Amino acid sequence: MDVGLEVSCPMCGGLIEATDKDELIRLSQLHTIDAHRYHVPTEHVLAAMTPGDIDPDEGEDVQ
């Protein structure tokens, strides 16, 4: 998976990875609602997101 962005769940610390901001927001909110019955605000997801891991095919940071 070509991971561009990631964020840790504020409740359990689980890693949520996505290729773009919209997907990261959607997956983060799905996770927190399903696992913790908590709706994490979009602003919190955007403030906590960081660049993803190194793409092994490219050998550089994915951005």
N, C-alpha and C. Protein backbone atom coordinates (compact mmCIF):
# COMPACT_ATOMS: atom_id res chain seq x y z
N MET A 1 0.85 -1.18 0.00
CA MET A 1 0.00 0.00 0.00
C MET A 1 0.89 1.24 0.00
N ASP A 2 0.59 2.14 -0.87
CA ASP A 2 1.34 3.39 -0.97
C ASP A 2 0.76 4.37 0.04
N VAL A 3 1.33 4.39 1.25
CA VAL A 3 0.80 5.20 2.34
C VAL A 3 1.35 6.61 2.26
N GLY A 4 0.44 7.58 2.16
CA GLY A 4 0.85 8.97 2.10
C GLY A 4 0.74 9.68 3.42
N LEU A 5 -0.28 9.29 4.22
CA LEU A 5 -0.53 9.95 5.50
C LEU A 5 -0.90 8.92 6.55
N GLU A 6 -0.64 9.29 7.80
CA GLU A 6 -1.04 8.42 8.89
C GLU A 6 -1.36 9.25 10.12
N VAL A 7 -2.13 8.65 11.02
CA VAL A 7 -2.51 9.28 12.27
C VAL A 7 -2.72 8.17 13.30
N SER A 8 -2.45 8.47 14.56
CA SER A 8 -2.70 7.52 15.63
C SER A 8 -4.06 7.82 16.25
N CYS A 9 -4.79 6.77 16.56
CA CYS A 9 -6.09 6.93 17.22
C CYS A 9 -5.87 7.59 18.58
N PRO A 10 -6.64 8.63 18.90
CA PRO A 10 -6.46 9.31 20.18
C PRO A 10 -6.92 8.47 21.38
N MET A 11 -7.68 7.44 21.13
CA MET A 11 -8.21 6.61 22.22
C MET A 11 -7.33 5.40 22.52
N CYS A 12 -6.85 4.71 21.46
CA CYS A 12 -6.12 3.46 21.68
C CYS A 12 -4.71 3.47 21.10
N GLY A 13 -4.37 4.50 20.33
CA GLY A 13 -3.04 4.58 19.75
C GLY A 13 -2.86 3.78 18.48
N GLY A 14 -3.93 3.15 17.99
CA GLY A 14 -3.85 2.38 16.75
C GLY A 14 -3.48 3.27 15.57
N LEU A 15 -2.71 2.73 14.64
CA LEU A 15 -2.25 3.48 13.48
C LEU A 15 -3.28 3.37 12.35
N ILE A 16 -3.66 4.52 11.82
CA ILE A 16 -4.60 4.59 10.69
C ILE A 16 -3.83 5.20 9.54
N GLU A 17 -3.81 4.50 8.41
CA GLU A 17 -3.03 4.93 7.24
C GLU A 17 -3.96 5.16 6.06
N ALA A 18 -3.60 6.14 5.23
CA ALA A 18 -4.39 6.45 4.04
C ALA A 18 -3.52 7.12 2.99
N THR A 19 -4.04 7.18 1.78
CA THR A 19 -3.29 7.78 0.68
C THR A 19 -3.56 9.27 0.52
N ASP A 20 -4.69 9.77 1.09
CA ASP A 20 -4.98 11.20 1.01
C ASP A 20 -5.77 11.66 2.23
N LYS A 21 -5.95 12.97 2.37
CA LYS A 21 -6.60 13.54 3.54
C LYS A 21 -8.04 13.06 3.71
N ASP A 22 -8.80 13.05 2.62
CA ASP A 22 -10.21 12.64 2.72
C ASP A 22 -10.34 11.21 3.22
N GLU A 23 -9.51 10.32 2.68
CA GLU A 23 -9.54 8.93 3.11
C GLU A 23 -9.10 8.80 4.57
N LEU A 24 -8.09 9.56 4.97
CA LEU A 24 -7.61 9.52 6.35
C LEU A 24 -8.70 9.97 7.32
N ILE A 25 -9.39 11.03 6.98
CA ILE A 25 -10.49 11.51 7.82
C ILE A 25 -11.58 10.45 7.93
N ARG A 26 -11.98 9.90 6.78
CA ARG A 26 -13.05 8.90 6.76
C ARG A 26 -12.69 7.67 7.58
N LEU A 27 -11.48 7.14 7.37
CA LEU A 27 -11.06 5.94 8.10
C LEU A 27 -10.90 6.20 9.59
N SER A 28 -10.39 7.38 9.94
CA SER A 28 -10.23 7.74 11.35
C SER A 28 -11.58 7.82 12.05
N GLN A 29 -12.52 8.46 11.40
CA GLN A 29 -13.84 8.60 12.00
C GLN A 29 -14.57 7.26 12.07
N LEU A 30 -14.43 6.44 11.04
CA LEU A 30 -15.03 5.09 11.10
C LEU A 30 -14.46 4.29 12.26
N HIS A 31 -13.15 4.34 12.42
CA HIS A 31 -12.50 3.59 13.50
C HIS A 31 -12.97 4.06 14.87
N THR A 32 -12.91 5.38 15.12
CA THR A 32 -13.24 5.87 16.46
C THR A 32 -14.72 5.67 16.80
N ILE A 33 -15.59 5.79 15.81
CA ILE A 33 -17.02 5.55 16.06
C ILE A 33 -17.26 4.07 16.35
N ASP A 34 -16.70 3.21 15.52
CA ASP A 34 -16.90 1.77 15.67
C ASP A 34 -16.25 1.21 16.94
N ALA A 35 -15.02 1.57 17.18
CA ALA A 35 -14.27 0.97 18.28
C ALA A 35 -14.49 1.67 19.62
N HIS A 36 -14.78 2.96 19.60
CA HIS A 36 -14.81 3.73 20.85
C HIS A 36 -16.09 4.53 21.06
N ARG A 37 -17.02 4.47 20.11
CA ARG A 37 -18.26 5.24 20.19
C ARG A 37 -17.99 6.72 20.37
N TYR A 38 -16.96 7.20 19.65
CA TYR A 38 -16.54 8.59 19.74
C TYR A 38 -16.33 9.13 18.34
N HIS A 39 -16.88 10.29 18.05
CA HIS A 39 -16.70 10.92 16.74
C HIS A 39 -15.55 11.92 16.84
N VAL A 40 -14.41 11.57 16.27
CA VAL A 40 -13.26 12.46 16.29
C VAL A 40 -13.50 13.57 15.25
N PRO A 41 -13.39 14.83 15.66
CA PRO A 41 -13.61 15.94 14.72
C PRO A 41 -12.56 15.96 13.59
N THR A 42 -12.99 16.38 12.43
CA THR A 42 -12.11 16.48 11.27
C THR A 42 -10.87 17.29 11.58
N GLU A 43 -11.04 18.40 12.30
CA GLU A 43 -9.91 19.27 12.63
C GLU A 43 -8.85 18.53 13.45
N HIS A 44 -9.29 17.62 14.30
CA HIS A 44 -8.34 16.86 15.13
C HIS A 44 -7.54 15.88 14.27
N VAL A 45 -8.21 15.26 13.31
CA VAL A 45 -7.51 14.33 12.41
C VAL A 45 -6.45 15.09 11.60
N LEU A 46 -6.84 16.23 11.04
CA LEU A 46 -5.92 17.02 10.23
C LEU A 46 -4.74 17.54 11.06
N ALA A 47 -4.99 17.92 12.30
CA ALA A 47 -3.91 18.44 13.15
C ALA A 47 -2.93 17.34 13.56
N ALA A 48 -3.40 16.10 13.62
CA ALA A 48 -2.56 15.00 14.09
C ALA A 48 -1.89 14.21 12.96
N MET A 49 -2.28 14.43 11.71
CA MET A 49 -1.74 13.62 10.62
C MET A 49 -0.26 13.93 10.37
N THR A 50 0.45 12.88 9.96
CA THR A 50 1.86 12.99 9.64
C THR A 50 2.12 12.25 8.33
N PRO A 51 3.24 12.55 7.65
CA PRO A 51 3.59 11.79 6.44
C PRO A 51 3.74 10.32 6.76
N GLY A 52 3.41 9.47 5.81
CA GLY A 52 3.47 8.03 6.00
C GLY A 52 4.89 7.49 5.92
N ASP A 53 4.97 6.16 5.91
CA ASP A 53 6.25 5.46 5.85
C ASP A 53 6.93 5.65 4.52
N ILE A 54 8.14 5.15 4.45
CA ILE A 54 8.92 5.18 3.21
C ILE A 54 8.36 4.15 2.24
N ASP A 55 8.15 4.55 1.01
CA ASP A 55 7.68 3.66 -0.04
C ASP A 55 8.85 2.81 -0.50
N PRO A 56 8.78 1.48 -0.32
CA PRO A 56 9.92 0.64 -0.68
C PRO A 56 10.27 0.67 -2.17
N ASP A 57 9.29 0.96 -3.03
CA ASP A 57 9.55 1.02 -4.47
C ASP A 57 10.28 2.29 -4.87
N GLU A 58 10.04 3.36 -4.14
CA GLU A 58 10.61 4.65 -4.46
C GLU A 58 11.88 4.96 -3.67
N GLY A 59 11.97 4.40 -2.45
CA GLY A 59 13.15 4.63 -1.62
C GLY A 59 13.20 6.02 -1.02
N GLU A 60 12.06 6.69 -0.96
CA GLU A 60 12.00 8.02 -0.37
C GLU A 60 10.68 8.18 0.36
N ASP A 61 10.55 9.25 1.14
CA ASP A 61 9.32 9.49 1.87
C ASP A 61 8.18 9.74 0.89
N VAL A 62 7.02 9.17 1.20
CA VAL A 62 5.83 9.39 0.40
C VAL A 62 5.16 10.65 0.91
N GLN A 63 4.86 11.59 0.00
CA GLN A 63 4.20 12.82 0.42
C GLN A 63 3.09 13.20 -0.50
